[in-house]
Protein backbone atom coordinates (compact mmCIF):
# COMPACT_ATOMS: atom_id res chain seq x y z
CA MET A 1 8.01 -24.53 -41.43
CA ASN A 2 8.64 -24.23 -45.17
CA ILE A 3 10.09 -20.88 -46.25
CA LEU A 4 10.39 -19.68 -49.85
CA VAL A 5 13.28 -17.27 -50.49
CA THR A 6 13.06 -15.45 -53.82
CA GLY A 7 16.01 -13.63 -55.38
CA CYS A 8 18.37 -16.03 -53.60
CA ASN A 9 21.35 -15.10 -55.82
CA GLY A 10 21.24 -11.42 -54.86
CA GLN A 11 23.07 -9.72 -52.01
CA LEU A 12 20.40 -10.29 -49.38
CA GLY A 13 19.39 -13.72 -50.67
CA ASN A 14 22.98 -14.94 -50.47
CA GLU A 15 23.36 -13.61 -46.92
CA ILE A 16 20.17 -15.44 -45.87
CA ARG A 17 21.51 -18.66 -47.38
CA LEU A 18 24.63 -18.39 -45.21
CA LEU A 19 22.45 -18.36 -42.07
CA GLU A 20 20.08 -21.14 -43.04
CA ASN A 21 22.04 -23.96 -41.40
CA GLU A 22 21.54 -22.19 -38.04
CA HIS A 23 17.80 -22.84 -38.44
CA SER A 24 17.54 -26.57 -39.11
CA GLU A 25 13.96 -26.49 -37.79
CA TRP A 26 12.96 -24.69 -40.98
CA LYS A 27 13.15 -25.89 -44.57
CA PHE A 28 14.27 -23.24 -47.06
CA PHE A 29 13.34 -23.23 -50.73
CA ASN A 30 15.90 -20.92 -52.36
CA THR A 31 14.83 -19.71 -55.78
CA ASP A 32 15.88 -17.23 -58.40
CA VAL A 33 14.41 -16.61 -61.84
CA GLU A 34 15.72 -20.00 -63.12
CA GLU A 35 13.80 -21.93 -60.46
CA LEU A 36 10.69 -19.76 -60.22
CA ASP A 37 9.39 -16.90 -62.34
CA ILE A 38 7.63 -14.79 -59.72
CA THR A 39 6.02 -12.67 -62.46
CA ASN A 40 4.02 -15.76 -63.56
CA GLN A 41 0.98 -16.00 -61.29
CA LEU A 42 0.17 -19.62 -62.10
CA ALA A 43 3.77 -20.73 -61.56
CA VAL A 44 3.83 -18.94 -58.17
CA GLU A 45 0.52 -20.49 -57.05
CA GLN A 46 1.64 -23.99 -58.07
CA TYR A 47 5.06 -23.67 -56.40
CA VAL A 48 3.60 -22.41 -53.11
CA ALA A 49 0.91 -25.11 -53.06
CA GLN A 50 3.13 -28.03 -54.14
CA ASN A 51 5.86 -27.22 -51.61
CA ALA A 52 3.43 -26.37 -48.79
CA ILE A 53 5.07 -22.96 -48.32
CA ASP A 54 4.28 -21.33 -44.96
CA GLY A 55 6.14 -18.07 -45.49
CA ILE A 56 7.93 -16.07 -48.17
CA ILE A 57 10.96 -13.78 -47.95
CA ASN A 58 10.83 -11.76 -51.17
CA CYS A 59 14.35 -10.53 -51.91
CA ALA A 60 13.73 -10.32 -55.66
CA ALA A 61 13.44 -6.85 -57.17
CA TYR A 62 14.27 -4.64 -60.12
CA THR A 63 16.97 -2.51 -58.48
CA ALA A 64 18.60 -0.72 -61.44
CA VAL A 65 17.35 2.69 -60.28
CA ASP A 66 18.34 4.70 -63.36
CA LYS A 67 17.42 2.01 -65.87
CA ALA A 68 13.95 1.78 -64.30
CA GLU A 69 13.17 5.28 -65.61
CA GLU A 70 13.10 3.94 -69.19
CA ASP A 71 12.25 0.31 -68.40
CA LYS A 72 9.11 1.10 -66.43
CA GLU A 73 7.22 -1.99 -67.56
CA LYS A 74 9.83 -4.45 -66.30
CA ALA A 75 10.32 -2.53 -63.03
CA THR A 76 6.55 -2.52 -62.49
CA THR A 77 6.19 -6.25 -63.19
CA LEU A 78 8.97 -7.26 -60.80
CA ASN A 79 8.48 -4.66 -58.06
CA MET A 80 4.69 -4.28 -58.03
CA VAL A 81 2.96 -7.21 -59.74
CA ALA A 82 5.17 -10.07 -58.46
CA PRO A 83 4.84 -9.24 -54.72
CA ALA A 84 1.05 -9.28 -55.12
CA PHE A 85 1.21 -12.74 -56.75
CA LEU A 86 3.44 -14.06 -53.95
CA ALA A 87 1.26 -12.53 -51.25
CA ALA A 88 -1.97 -13.92 -52.72
CA ALA A 89 -0.48 -17.40 -53.10
CA VAL A 90 0.81 -17.62 -49.51
CA GLU A 91 -2.43 -16.11 -48.14
CA LYS A 92 -4.27 -19.20 -49.44
CA ARG A 93 -2.15 -21.23 -46.99
CA ASP A 94 -2.73 -18.70 -44.17
CA GLY A 95 0.97 -17.89 -44.45
CA TRP A 96 3.08 -14.75 -44.26
CA ILE A 97 5.29 -12.68 -46.56
CA ILE A 98 8.27 -10.46 -45.76
CA GLN A 99 8.53 -7.91 -48.55
CA ILE A 100 11.80 -5.97 -48.82
CA SER A 101 11.31 -2.32 -49.75
CA THR A 102 13.39 0.84 -49.92
CA ASP A 103 14.08 4.35 -48.62
CA TYR A 104 13.21 5.52 -52.18
CA VAL A 105 9.52 5.48 -51.22
CA PHE A 106 10.36 8.92 -49.73
CA ASP A 107 11.44 11.97 -51.74
CA GLY A 108 14.18 12.86 -49.23
CA LYS A 109 12.97 16.38 -48.47
CA ALA A 110 12.71 15.74 -44.71
CA HIS A 111 15.40 16.70 -42.19
CA THR A 112 14.65 14.17 -39.47
CA PRO A 113 14.69 10.35 -39.76
CA TYR A 114 11.70 8.88 -41.56
CA LYS A 115 9.24 6.90 -39.45
CA GLU A 116 7.09 4.07 -40.80
CA ASP A 117 3.90 6.15 -40.65
CA ASP A 118 5.35 9.12 -42.54
CA THR A 119 3.51 9.61 -45.82
CA PRO A 120 5.46 8.04 -48.72
CA CYS A 121 6.18 10.33 -51.67
CA PRO A 122 8.45 8.55 -54.18
CA ASP A 123 10.29 10.68 -56.74
CA SER A 124 11.40 7.95 -59.17
CA VAL A 125 9.99 4.97 -61.09
CA TYR A 126 11.95 2.66 -58.81
CA GLY A 127 10.50 4.25 -55.66
CA SER A 128 6.96 4.29 -57.07
CA THR A 129 7.04 0.62 -58.11
CA LYS A 130 8.52 -0.47 -54.76
CA LEU A 131 5.80 1.44 -52.89
CA ALA A 132 3.18 -0.25 -55.07
CA GLY A 133 4.80 -3.59 -54.16
CA GLU A 134 4.40 -2.82 -50.46
CA LEU A 135 0.72 -2.01 -50.95
CA GLY A 136 0.14 -5.14 -53.03
CA ALA A 137 1.77 -7.41 -50.45
CA GLN A 138 -0.37 -5.89 -47.69
CA LYS A 139 -3.55 -5.99 -49.76
CA PHE A 140 -3.31 -9.68 -50.63
CA CYS A 141 -1.74 -11.10 -47.45
CA ARG A 142 -2.99 -10.35 -43.94
CA LYS A 143 0.37 -11.38 -42.44
CA ALA A 144 2.56 -9.08 -44.54
CA VAL A 145 5.72 -7.55 -43.08
CA ILE A 146 7.29 -4.71 -45.06
CA ILE A 147 10.95 -3.91 -44.35
CA ARG A 148 12.27 -0.71 -45.88
CA THR A 149 16.04 -0.61 -46.08
CA ALA A 150 18.69 1.62 -47.67
CA TRP A 151 22.16 1.67 -49.26
CA LEU A 152 22.49 -2.13 -49.24
CA TYR A 153 25.91 -3.73 -49.67
CA SER A 154 27.48 -7.14 -49.09
CA SER A 155 30.48 -9.29 -49.94
CA PHE A 156 28.21 -10.72 -52.68
CA GLY A 157 27.32 -9.06 -55.98
CA ASN A 158 27.97 -5.52 -57.19
CA ASN A 159 27.57 -2.61 -54.81
CA PHE A 160 28.98 0.76 -53.75
CA VAL A 161 31.64 -0.77 -51.49
CA LYS A 162 33.16 -2.89 -54.24
CA THR A 163 32.88 -0.07 -56.78
CA MET A 164 34.72 2.36 -54.48
CA GLN A 165 37.42 -0.24 -53.84
CA ARG A 166 37.89 -0.83 -57.56
CA LEU A 167 37.87 2.86 -58.56
CA GLY A 168 40.08 3.78 -55.61
CA ARG A 169 42.73 1.33 -56.82
CA GLU A 170 42.39 2.38 -60.47
CA ARG A 171 42.41 6.15 -60.04
CA GLU A 172 44.35 8.77 -58.14
CA GLU A 173 41.31 11.01 -57.76
CA LEU A 174 37.60 10.36 -57.40
CA GLY A 175 34.48 12.53 -57.00
CA VAL A 176 31.69 11.30 -54.71
CA ILE A 177 28.41 13.01 -53.81
CA PHE A 178 28.38 14.61 -50.36
CA ASP A 179 24.90 16.17 -50.25
CA GLN A 180 22.89 12.95 -50.15
CA ILE A 181 22.56 11.71 -46.57
CA GLY A 182 21.51 8.28 -45.37
CA THR A 183 22.79 5.13 -43.71
CA PRO A 184 24.48 2.10 -45.31
CA THR A 185 23.03 -1.35 -44.61
CA TYR A 186 25.15 -4.49 -44.44
CA ALA A 187 22.99 -7.21 -46.00
CA ALA A 188 24.31 -9.77 -43.48
CA ASP A 189 22.84 -7.68 -40.63
CA LEU A 190 19.50 -7.36 -42.43
CA ALA A 191 19.45 -11.13 -43.07
CA LYS A 192 19.93 -11.79 -39.33
CA ALA A 193 17.13 -9.33 -38.52
CA ILE A 194 14.75 -11.06 -40.95
CA LEU A 195 15.37 -14.48 -39.42
CA THR A 196 14.90 -12.97 -35.94
CA ILE A 197 11.51 -11.61 -37.03
CA ILE A 198 10.45 -15.09 -38.18
CA LYS A 199 11.70 -16.70 -34.97
CA GLU A 200 10.04 -14.12 -32.70
CA GLY A 201 6.76 -14.49 -34.60
CA ILE A 202 5.42 -12.44 -37.51
CA LYS A 203 3.80 -9.17 -36.44
CA PRO A 204 2.32 -7.63 -39.62
CA GLY A 205 3.19 -4.04 -40.47
CA THR A 206 5.86 -1.80 -41.94
CA TYR A 207 9.33 -1.56 -40.41
CA HIS A 208 12.55 0.33 -41.15
CA TYR A 209 15.98 -1.29 -41.05
CA SER A 210 19.43 0.06 -41.82
CA ASN A 211 22.58 0.16 -39.76
CA GLU A 212 22.91 2.80 -37.03
CA GLY A 213 24.50 6.17 -37.66
CA VAL A 214 24.34 8.69 -40.50
CA CYS A 215 26.69 9.58 -43.35
CA SER A 216 26.91 10.92 -46.90
CA TRP A 217 28.07 8.86 -49.88
CA TYR A 218 31.31 10.86 -49.62
CA ASP A 219 31.81 9.84 -45.96
CA PHE A 220 30.99 6.25 -46.89
CA ALA A 221 33.61 6.26 -49.68
CA ILE A 222 36.26 7.74 -47.36
CA ALA A 223 35.58 5.01 -44.78
CA ILE A 224 35.73 2.26 -47.44
CA HIS A 225 39.15 3.48 -48.63
CA ARG A 226 40.47 3.90 -45.10
CA MET A 227 39.45 0.37 -44.09
CA SER A 228 40.70 -1.11 -47.38
CA GLY A 229 44.09 0.61 -47.15
CA ILE A 230 43.47 2.51 -50.38
CA LYS A 231 45.17 5.85 -51.02
CA CYS A 232 42.97 7.94 -53.29
CA ASN A 233 42.03 11.62 -53.26
CA VAL A 234 38.23 11.60 -52.84
CA LYS A 235 36.61 14.94 -53.64
CA PRO A 236 33.08 15.93 -52.57
CA LEU A 237 30.58 16.52 -55.40
CA HIS A 238 27.20 18.26 -55.41
CA THR A 239 24.31 16.17 -56.75
CA GLN A 240 23.91 18.54 -59.72
CA GLU A 241 27.52 17.86 -60.73
CA TYR A 242 26.63 14.19 -61.25
CA PRO A 243 23.23 14.13 -63.01
CA THR A 244 21.39 10.79 -63.19
CA PRO A 245 18.13 9.76 -64.94
CA ALA A 246 16.46 8.98 -61.58
CA ASN A 247 16.16 11.42 -58.68
CA ARG A 248 17.80 10.30 -55.43
CA PRO A 249 16.47 11.25 -51.99
CA ALA A 250 18.72 13.97 -50.55
CA TYR A 251 17.96 12.76 -47.02
CA SER A 252 16.78 9.21 -46.39
CA VAL A 253 17.80 8.33 -42.83
CA LEU A 254 15.36 5.74 -41.48
CA ASP A 255 14.08 5.67 -37.90
CA LYS A 256 14.54 2.09 -36.61
CA THR A 257 12.84 2.44 -33.21
CA LYS A 258 9.84 0.26 -34.17
CA ILE A 259 11.79 -2.80 -35.37
CA LYS A 260 14.18 -2.60 -32.39
CA HIS A 261 11.36 -2.48 -29.85
CA THR A 262 9.00 -4.95 -31.55
CA TYR A 263 11.58 -7.69 -32.14
CA ASN A 264 14.27 -6.79 -29.60
CA ILE A 265 16.85 -6.37 -32.39
CA ALA A 266 20.24 -4.78 -31.68
CA ILE A 267 21.56 -2.93 -34.74
CA PRO A 268 25.32 -2.36 -35.25
CA HIS A 269 26.80 1.00 -36.30
CA TRP A 270 27.47 1.21 -40.03
CA GLU A 271 31.26 1.51 -39.59
CA THR A 272 31.42 -1.65 -37.47
CA SER A 273 29.52 -3.61 -40.12
CA LEU A 274 31.50 -2.07 -42.98
CA LYS A 275 34.75 -3.28 -41.35
CA GLU A 276 33.26 -6.77 -41.03
CA CYS A 277 32.28 -6.83 -44.71
CA ILE A 278 35.63 -5.48 -45.94
CA ASP A 279 37.52 -8.08 -43.90
CA LYS A 280 35.34 -10.71 -45.61
CA ILE A 281 35.96 -9.32 -49.10
């Protein structure tokens, strides 16, 4: 089986690459923008055909949430148009696509964990374009799997964990938002889940994946400092004290029952995975 991985230099793409040698029965084609411009339909079609691609894991995305508010065109091209190109190209080979999406497809006004069949209602350009990417992947590929995730971090790239470590060492005091609730996701865990899905056999549909448990960004920061041995006074902030161009969901806990039952996936608690990542960093 030939698998195309897009966005291979990002957090999730890098974590998938680390696991590839455990699956010698598959051939991985790791690409980023230098190797393949997924916003170029002809280039995508040629790459998929020439390399006899059977499946695509699309980790590429425009993820600068605030910047997306002013750079709508670029966010739309990467998050909406590109997944449709990838899906259409792999459909011609009767293949599958795993499209990575986000908790931002919800506005965060719920008070119980979001299920896959809850009606999406994005409240930002980023969320809207990612939702459109889901719909495009499903429209153009019959074997499309959508995985919505949240609060992604890894030992690779820039993320909240590394930012909190850096700021915690630089400053004596720090303010972090406490009234936005969700669950962190260790990209290494998500990568394992994706490869399990492929191994178990693609079952098209939408799934939610994050680590287990619930916390605020404030709780997350406290845990990062505790596990990193950082002494810093972290103060809780209200969302309105830290205005941003894009609206964030106030509550975006994802219900993972479907992915756990469908693919028999065990999901670690967020603190267990955070410890693992910090030890790696």
